[in-house]
Each structure stands twice: as C-alpha cells, then as structure tokens.
PDB file of N, CA and C in Angstrom:
ATOM      1  N   MET A   1       7.367  -5.523  30.482  1.00  0.00           N
ATOM      2  CA  MET A   1       8.759  -5.241  31.003  1.00  0.00           C
ATOM      3  C   MET A   1       8.771  -3.969  32.009  1.00  0.00           C
ATOM      4  N   SER A   2       9.468  -4.367  33.037  1.00  0.00           N
ATOM      5  CA  SER A   2       9.554  -3.174  34.227  1.00  0.00           C
ATOM      6  C   SER A   2      10.838  -2.968  34.496  1.00  0.00           C
ATOM      7  N   LEU A   3      11.159  -1.657  34.538  1.00  0.00           N
ATOM      8  CA  LEU A   3      12.554  -1.239  34.890  1.00  0.00           C
ATOM      9  C   LEU A   3      12.710  -1.048  36.517  1.00  0.00           C
ATOM     10  N   ASP A   4      13.641  -1.651  36.996  1.00  0.00           N
ATOM     11  CA  ASP A   4      13.802  -1.536  38.365  1.00  0.00           C
ATOM     12  C   ASP A   4      14.718  -0.320  38.823  1.00  0.00           C
ATOM     13  N   VAL A   5      14.121   0.897  38.897  1.00  0.00           N
ATOM     14  CA  VAL A   5      14.965   2.112  38.795  1.00  0.00           C
ATOM     15  C   VAL A   5      14.467   2.866  40.221  1.00  0.00           C
ATOM     16  N   SER A   6      15.358   3.189  40.951  1.00  0.00           N
ATOM     17  CA  SER A   6      14.928   4.170  42.245  1.00  0.00           C
ATOM     18  C   SER A   6      14.997   5.610  41.571  1.00  0.00           C
ATOM     19  N   ARG A   7      14.217   6.480  42.386  1.00  0.00           N
ATOM     20  CA  ARG A   7      14.422   7.985  41.872  1.00  0.00           C
ATOM     21  C   ARG A   7      15.823   8.469  42.199  1.00  0.00           C
ATOM     22  N   GLY A   8      16.498   8.206  43.184  1.00  0.00           N
ATOM     23  CA  GLY A   8      17.969   8.596  43.544  1.00  0.00           C
ATOM     24  C   GLY A   8      18.763   8.167  42.581  1.00  0.00           C
ATOM     25  N   GLY A   9      18.805   6.741  42.067  1.00  0.00           N
ATOM     26  CA  GLY A   9      19.652   6.346  41.128  1.00  0.00           C
ATOM     27  C   GLY A   9      19.361   7.071  39.810  1.00  0.00           C
ATOM     28  N   LEU A  10      18.146   7.358  39.489  1.00  0.00           N
ATOM     29  CA  LEU A  10      18.096   8.137  38.266  1.00  0.00           C
ATOM     30  C   LEU A  10      18.503   9.614  38.324  1.00  0.00           C
ATOM     31  N   LEU A  11      18.337  10.130  39.406  1.00  0.00           N
ATOM     32  CA  LEU A  11      18.814  11.684  39.604  1.00  0.00           C
ATOM     33  C   LEU A  11      20.357  11.586  39.469  1.00  0.00           C
ATOM     34  N   VAL A  12      20.951  10.796  40.237  1.00  0.00           N
ATOM     35  CA  VAL A  12      22.211  10.530  40.150  1.00  0.00           C
ATOM     36  C   VAL A  12      22.904  10.303  38.769  1.00  0.00           C
ATOM     37  N   THR A  13      22.252   9.401  37.950  1.00  0.00           N
ATOM     38  CA  THR A  13      22.589   9.102  36.694  1.00  0.00           C
ATOM     39  C   THR A  13      22.413  10.339  35.718  1.00  0.00           C
ATOM     40  N   LEU A  14      21.437  11.230  35.892  1.00  0.00           N
ATOM     41  CA  LEU A  14      21.059  12.270  35.026  1.00  0.00           C
ATOM     42  C   LEU A  14      22.264  13.506  35.513  1.00  0.00           C
ATOM     43  N   ALA A  15      22.517  13.441  36.705  1.00  0.00           N
ATOM     44  CA  ALA A  15      23.580  14.471  37.189  1.00  0.00           C
ATOM     45  C   ALA A  15      25.011  14.354  36.576  1.00  0.00           C
ATOM     46  N   ILE A  16      25.317  12.831  36.706  1.00  0.00           N
ATOM     47  CA  ILE A  16      26.649  12.510  36.078  1.00  0.00           C
ATOM     48  C   ILE A  16      26.572  12.708  34.598  1.00  0.00           C
ATOM     49  N   PHE A  17      25.527  12.265  33.816  1.00  0.00           N
ATOM     50  CA  PHE A  17      25.423  12.422  32.445  1.00  0.00           C
ATOM     51  C   PHE A  17      25.503  13.972  32.010  1.00  0.00           C
ATOM     52  N   GLY A  18      24.853  14.805  32.830  1.00  0.00           N
ATOM     53  CA  GLY A  18      24.928  16.259  32.519  1.00  0.00           C
ATOM     54  C   GLY A  18      26.155  16.826  32.785  1.00  0.00           C
ATOM     55  N   VAL A  19      26.878  16.454  33.729  1.00  0.00           N
ATOM     56  CA  VAL A  19      28.330  16.956  33.990  1.00  0.00           C
ATOM     57  C   VAL A  19      29.121  16.399  32.812  1.00  0.00           C
ATOM     58  N   ILE A  20      28.949  15.211  32.384  1.00  0.00           N
ATOM     59  CA  ILE A  20      29.918  14.745  31.231  1.00  0.00           C
ATOM     60  C   ILE A  20      29.774  15.458  29.970  1.00  0.00           C
ATOM     61  N   ILE A  21      28.401  15.660  29.736  1.00  0.00           N
ATOM     62  CA  ILE A  21      28.180  16.558  28.314  1.00  0.00           C
ATOM     63  C   ILE A  21      28.528  17.935  28.523  1.00  0.00           C
ATOM     64  N   TYR A  22      28.485  18.550  29.748  1.00  0.00           N
ATOM     65  CA  TYR A  22      29.003  19.958  29.908  1.00  0.00           C
ATOM     66  C   TYR A  22      30.504  19.958  29.851  1.00  0.00           C
ATOM     67  N   GLU A  23      31.143  19.032  30.183  1.00  0.00           N
ATOM     68  CA  GLU A  23      32.600  18.824  30.125  1.00  0.00           C
ATOM     69  C   GLU A  23      32.997  18.727  28.472  1.00  0.00           C
ATOM     70  N   MET A  24      32.272  17.917  28.028  1.00  0.00           N
ATOM     71  CA  MET A  24      32.768  17.791  26.468  1.00  0.00           C
ATOM     72  C   MET A  24      32.344  19.073  25.858  1.00  0.00           C
ATOM     73  N   ARG A  25      31.223  19.979  26.099  1.00  0.00           N
ATOM     74  CA  ARG A  25      31.153  21.325  25.811  1.00  0.00           C
ATOM     75  C   ARG A  25      32.357  22.163  26.080  1.00  0.00           C
ATOM     76  N   THR A  26      32.721  21.935  27.165  1.00  0.00           N
ATOM     77  CA  THR A  26      34.051  22.788  27.776  1.00  0.00           C
ATOM     78  C   THR A  26      35.305  22.570  26.854  1.00  0.00           C
ATOM     79  N   VAL A  27      35.420  21.282  26.419  1.00  0.00           N
ATOM     80  CA  VAL A  27      36.581  20.740  25.703  1.00  0.00           C
ATOM     81  C   VAL A  27      36.434  21.304  24.300  1.00  0.00           C
ATOM     82  N   LEU A  28      35.333  21.350  23.634  1.00  0.00           N
ATOM     83  CA  LEU A  28      34.904  21.780  22.370  1.00  0.00           C
ATOM     84  C   LEU A  28      35.051  23.080  22.295  1.00  0.00           C
ATOM     85  N   ASP A  29      34.825  24.036  23.479  1.00  0.00           N
ATOM     86  CA  ASP A  29      35.180  25.449  23.434  1.00  0.00           C
ATOM     87  C   ASP A  29      36.450  25.795  23.377  1.00  0.00           C
ATOM     88  N   PHE A  30      37.349  24.754  24.303  1.00  0.00           N
ATOM     89  CA  PHE A  30      38.703  24.989  24.322  1.00  0.00           C
ATOM     90  C   PHE A  30      39.328  24.974  23.068  1.00  0.00           C
ATOM     91  N   ILE A  31      38.931  23.964  22.148  1.00  0.00           N
ATOM     92  CA  ILE A  31      39.550  23.596  20.649  1.00  0.00           C
ATOM     93  C   ILE A  31      39.162  24.680  19.732  1.00  0.00           C
ATOM     94  N   GLY A  32      38.152  25.679  20.156  1.00  0.00           N
ATOM     95  CA  GLY A  32      37.642  26.717  19.060  1.00  0.00           C
ATOM     96  C   GLY A  32      36.231  26.617  18.763  1.00  0.00           C
ATOM     97  N   ILE A  33      35.478  25.297  19.057  1.00  0.00           N
ATOM     98  CA  ILE A  33      33.974  25.113  18.544  1.00  0.00           C
ATOM     99  C   ILE A  33      33.171  25.504  19.741  1.00  0.00           C
ATOM    100  N   GLU A  34      32.742  26.960  19.577  1.00  0.00           N
ATOM    101  CA  GLU A  34      31.750  27.564  20.596  1.00  0.00           C
ATOM    102  C   GLU A  34      30.259  26.901  20.625  1.00  0.00           C
ATOM    103  N   LEU A  35      29.705  26.481  21.521  1.00  0.00           N
ATOM    104  CA  LEU A  35      28.394  25.797  21.568  1.00  0.00           C
ATOM    105  C   LEU A  35      27.513  26.840  22.675  1.00  0.00           C
ATOM    106  N   PRO A  36      26.483  27.292  22.190  1.00  0.00           N
ATOM    107  CA  PRO A  36      25.596  27.973  23.125  1.00  0.00           C
ATOM    108  C   PRO A  36      25.119  27.349  24.325  1.00  0.00           C
ATOM    109  N   LEU A  37      24.882  27.824  25.462  1.00  0.00           N
ATOM    110  CA  LEU A  37      24.538  27.126  26.732  1.00  0.00           C
ATOM    111  C   LEU A  37      23.050  26.859  26.647  1.00  0.00           C
ATOM    112  N   ILE A  38      22.063  27.639  25.885  1.00  0.00           N
ATOM    113  CA  ILE A  38      20.744  27.511  26.095  1.00  0.00           C
ATOM    114  C   ILE A  38      20.354  26.122  25.299  1.00  0.00           C
ATOM    115  N   PRO A  39      20.921  25.786  24.121  1.00  0.00           N
ATOM    116  CA  PRO A  39      20.399  24.586  23.588  1.00  0.00           C
ATOM    117  C   PRO A  39      20.936  23.406  24.424  1.00  0.00           C
ATOM    118  N   TYR A  40      22.015  23.501  25.076  1.00  0.00           N
ATOM    119  CA  TYR A  40      22.608  22.382  26.044  1.00  0.00           C
ATOM    120  C   TYR A  40      21.642  22.292  26.953  1.00  0.00           C
ATOM    121  N   MET A  41      21.315  23.190  27.648  1.00  0.00           N
ATOM    122  CA  MET A  41      20.166  23.206  28.848  1.00  0.00           C
ATOM    123  C   MET A  41      18.958  22.585  28.472  1.00  0.00           C
ATOM    124  N   ALA A  42      18.531  22.861  27.204  1.00  0.00           N
ATOM    125  CA  ALA A  42      17.136  22.390  26.720  1.00  0.00           C
ATOM    126  C   ALA A  42      17.445  20.739  26.227  1.00  0.00           C
ATOM    127  N   ALA A  43      18.601  20.457  25.644  1.00  0.00           N
ATOM    128  CA  ALA A  43      18.747  19.068  25.824  1.00  0.00           C
ATOM    129  C   ALA A  43      18.806  18.388  26.947  1.00  0.00           C
ATOM    130  N   VAL A  44      19.425  18.869  27.780  1.00  0.00           N
ATOM    131  CA  VAL A  44      19.540  18.067  29.079  1.00  0.00           C
ATOM    132  C   VAL A  44      18.084  17.857  29.659  1.00  0.00           C
ATOM    133  N   PHE A  45      17.274  19.001  29.604  1.00  0.00           N
ATOM    134  CA  PHE A  45      15.815  18.892  30.198  1.00  0.00           C
ATOM    135  C   PHE A  45      14.985  18.149  29.280  1.00  0.00           C
ATOM    136  N   ALA A  46      15.297  18.099  28.044  1.00  0.00           N
ATOM    137  CA  ALA A  46      14.620  16.942  27.194  1.00  0.00           C
ATOM    138  C   ALA A  46      15.000  15.529  27.367  1.00  0.00           C
ATOM    139  N   LEU A  47      16.194  15.199  27.678  1.00  0.00           N
ATOM    140  CA  LEU A  47      16.766  13.904  27.988  1.00  0.00           C
ATOM    141  C   LEU A  47      16.136  13.839  29.471  1.00  0.00           C
ATOM    142  N   ALA A  48      15.972  14.261  30.211  1.00  0.00           N
ATOM    143  CA  ALA A  48      15.230  14.053  31.532  1.00  0.00           C
ATOM    144  C   ALA A  48      13.960  13.766  31.340  1.00  0.00           C
ATOM    145  N   GLY A  49      13.210  14.624  30.576  1.00  0.00           N
ATOM    146  CA  GLY A  49      11.698  14.360  30.355  1.00  0.00           C
ATOM    147  C   GLY A  49      11.559  12.791  29.654  1.00  0.00           C
ATOM    148  N   LEU A  50      12.477  12.758  28.521  1.00  0.00           N
ATOM    149  CA  LEU A  50      12.314  11.526  27.839  1.00  0.00           C
ATOM    150  C   LEU A  50      12.521  10.409  28.731  1.00  0.00           C
ATOM    151  N   THR A  51      13.325  10.383  29.712  1.00  0.00           N
ATOM    152  CA  THR A  51      13.721   9.232  30.562  1.00  0.00           C
ATOM    153  C   THR A  51      12.456   9.172  31.504  1.00  0.00           C
ATOM    154  N   LEU A  52      11.986  10.233  32.120  1.00  0.00           N
ATOM    155  CA  LEU A  52      10.724  10.005  32.833  1.00  0.00           C
ATOM    156  C   LEU A  52       9.650   9.469  32.070  1.00  0.00           C
ATOM    157  N   TRP A  53       9.623   9.926  30.940  1.00  0.00           N
ATOM    158  CA  TRP A  53       8.441   9.127  30.086  1.00  0.00           C
ATOM    159  C   TRP A  53       8.616   7.735  29.824  1.00  0.00           C
ATOM    160  N   VAL A  54      10.053   7.506  29.538  1.00  0.00           N
ATOM    161  CA  VAL A  54      10.019   5.842  29.269  1.00  0.00           C
ATOM    162  C   VAL A  54       9.784   5.183  30.564  1.00  0.00           C
ATOM    163  N   ILE A  55      10.246   5.672  31.660  1.00  0.00           N
ATOM    164  CA  ILE A  55      10.119   4.793  32.906  1.00  0.00           C
ATOM    165  C   ILE A  55       8.693   4.920  33.253  1.00  0.00           C
ATOM    166  N   SER A  56       7.776   5.831  32.991  1.00  0.00           N
ATOM    167  CA  SER A  56       6.457   5.823  33.402  1.00  0.00           C
ATOM    168  C   SER A  56       5.721   4.802  32.279  1.00  0.00           C
ATOM    169  N   LEU A  57       6.301   4.592  31.174  1.00  0.00           N
ATOM    170  CA  LEU A  57       5.621   3.667  30.137  1.00  0.00           C
ATOM    171  C   LEU A  57       5.903   2.197  30.465  1.00  0.00           C
ATOM    172  N   THR A  58       7.300   1.927  31.149  1.00  0.00           N
ATOM    173  CA  THR A  58       7.625   0.515  31.264  1.00  0.00           C
ATOM    174  C   THR A  58       7.502   0.080  32.794  1.00  0.00           C
ATOM    175  N   GLY A  59       6.472   0.712  33.605  1.00  0.00           N
ATOM    176  CA  GLY A  59       6.185   0.159  34.766  1.00  0.00           C
ATOM    177  C   GLY A  59       6.406   1.250  35.946  1.00  0.00           C
ATOM    178  N   GLY A  60       6.969   2.185  35.871  1.00  0.00           N
ATOM    179  CA  GLY A  60       6.991   3.315  36.889  1.00  0.00           C
ATOM    180  C   GLY A  60       8.269   2.988  37.888  1.00  0.00           C
ATOM    181  N   TRP A  61       8.159   3.671  38.981  1.00  0.00           N
ATOM    182  CA  TRP A  61       9.330   3.614  39.911  1.00  0.00           C
ATOM    183  C   TRP A  61       9.091   2.355  41.000  1.00  0.00           C
ATOM    184  N   ARG A  62      10.165   2.009  41.315  1.00  0.00           N
ATOM    185  CA  ARG A  62      10.337   0.875  42.396  1.00  0.00           C
ATOM    186  C   ARG A  62       9.918   1.545  43.628  1.00  0.00           C
ATOM    187  N   THR A  63       8.819   0.915  44.238  1.00  0.00           N
ATOM    188  CA  THR A  63       8.312   1.689  45.523  1.00  0.00           C
ATOM    189  C   THR A  63       8.717   0.630  46.885  1.00  0.00           C
ATOM    190  N   ASP A  64       8.785  -0.546  46.571  1.00  0.00           N
ATOM    191  CA  ASP A  64       9.050  -1.390  47.700  1.00  0.00           C
ATOM    192  C   ASP A  64      10.695  -1.676  47.875  1.00  0.00           C
ATOM    193  N   THR A  65      11.130  -2.099  48.905  1.00  0.00           N
ATOM    194  CA  THR A  65      12.368  -2.094  49.332  1.00  0.00           C
ATOM    195  C   THR A  65      12.983  -3.588  48.911  1.00  0.00           C
ATOM    196  N   GLY A  66      12.162  -4.124  48.418  1.00  0.00           N
ATOM    197  CA  GLY A  66      12.772  -5.529  47.891  1.00  0.00           C
ATOM    198  C   GLY A  66      13.174  -6.606  49.171  1.00  0.00           C
ATOM    199  N   GLY A  67      14.344  -6.914  49.287  1.00  0.00           N
ATOM    200  CA  GLY A  67      14.760  -7.755  50.449  1.00  0.00           C
ATOM    201  C   GLY A  67      15.608  -7.044  51.242  1.00  0.00           C
ATOM    202  N   ASN A  68      15.488  -5.857  51.581  1.00  0.00           N
ATOM    203  CA  ASN A  68      16.174  -4.949  52.590  1.00  0.00           C
ATOM    204  C   ASN A  68      15.553  -4.928  54.006  1.00  0.00           C
ATOM    205  N   ASP A  69      14.962  -6.186  54.306  1.00  0.00           N
ATOM    206  CA  ASP A  69      14.322  -6.029  55.692  1.00  0.00           C
ATOM    207  C   ASP A  69      15.312  -6.112  56.879  1.00  0.00           C
ATOM    208  N   PRO A  70      15.018  -5.401  58.000  1.00  0.00           N
ATOM    209  CA  PRO A  70      16.066  -5.216  58.899  1.00  0.00           C
ATOM    210  C   PRO A  70      16.064  -6.780  59.612  1.00  0.00           C
ATOM    211  N   ALA A  71      17.100  -6.871  60.251  1.00  0.00           N
ATOM    212  CA  ALA A  71      17.342  -8.108  60.789  1.00  0.00           C
ATOM    213  C   ALA A  71      16.642  -8.455  62.130  1.00  0.00           C
TER     214      ALA A  71
END
C-alpha cells in the first residue's frame, strides 16, 4: 500500500489539525477547564512524528508530478 501524499499537503493538514485542537483547548479554557500548553505542544509534535513514520512505512513521499506535464 502506498499513500499518495505530497509534503505540502501533509504540512497544511497538520497545521489545520493543530489550529483546530488549539481552538478546542481555548473553548475548554473558556468554560473553566484549564489545560496546560506544554502537553498540547508535545501531543502535536507526537502526532506529526507518528504521521511521518506511517508515511515512511507505507511507501514514502510522492516525488513525481504524475500527469501534470506542461502542454
């Protein structure tokens, strides 16, 4: 099995996921449940590392442009 993942797509996905999780943390802080920032940051970095590990196990990055040849 090979994932067809570009580096840019992965970085954008991780950034969006990180912002969503941070906003959930902000909402929880607003309703009175305080979460420290350091475990949140560690979890985001662990998720990024796990994602890179899974991609390297399943075939690596897409390096060719596929069918995007100029006309």
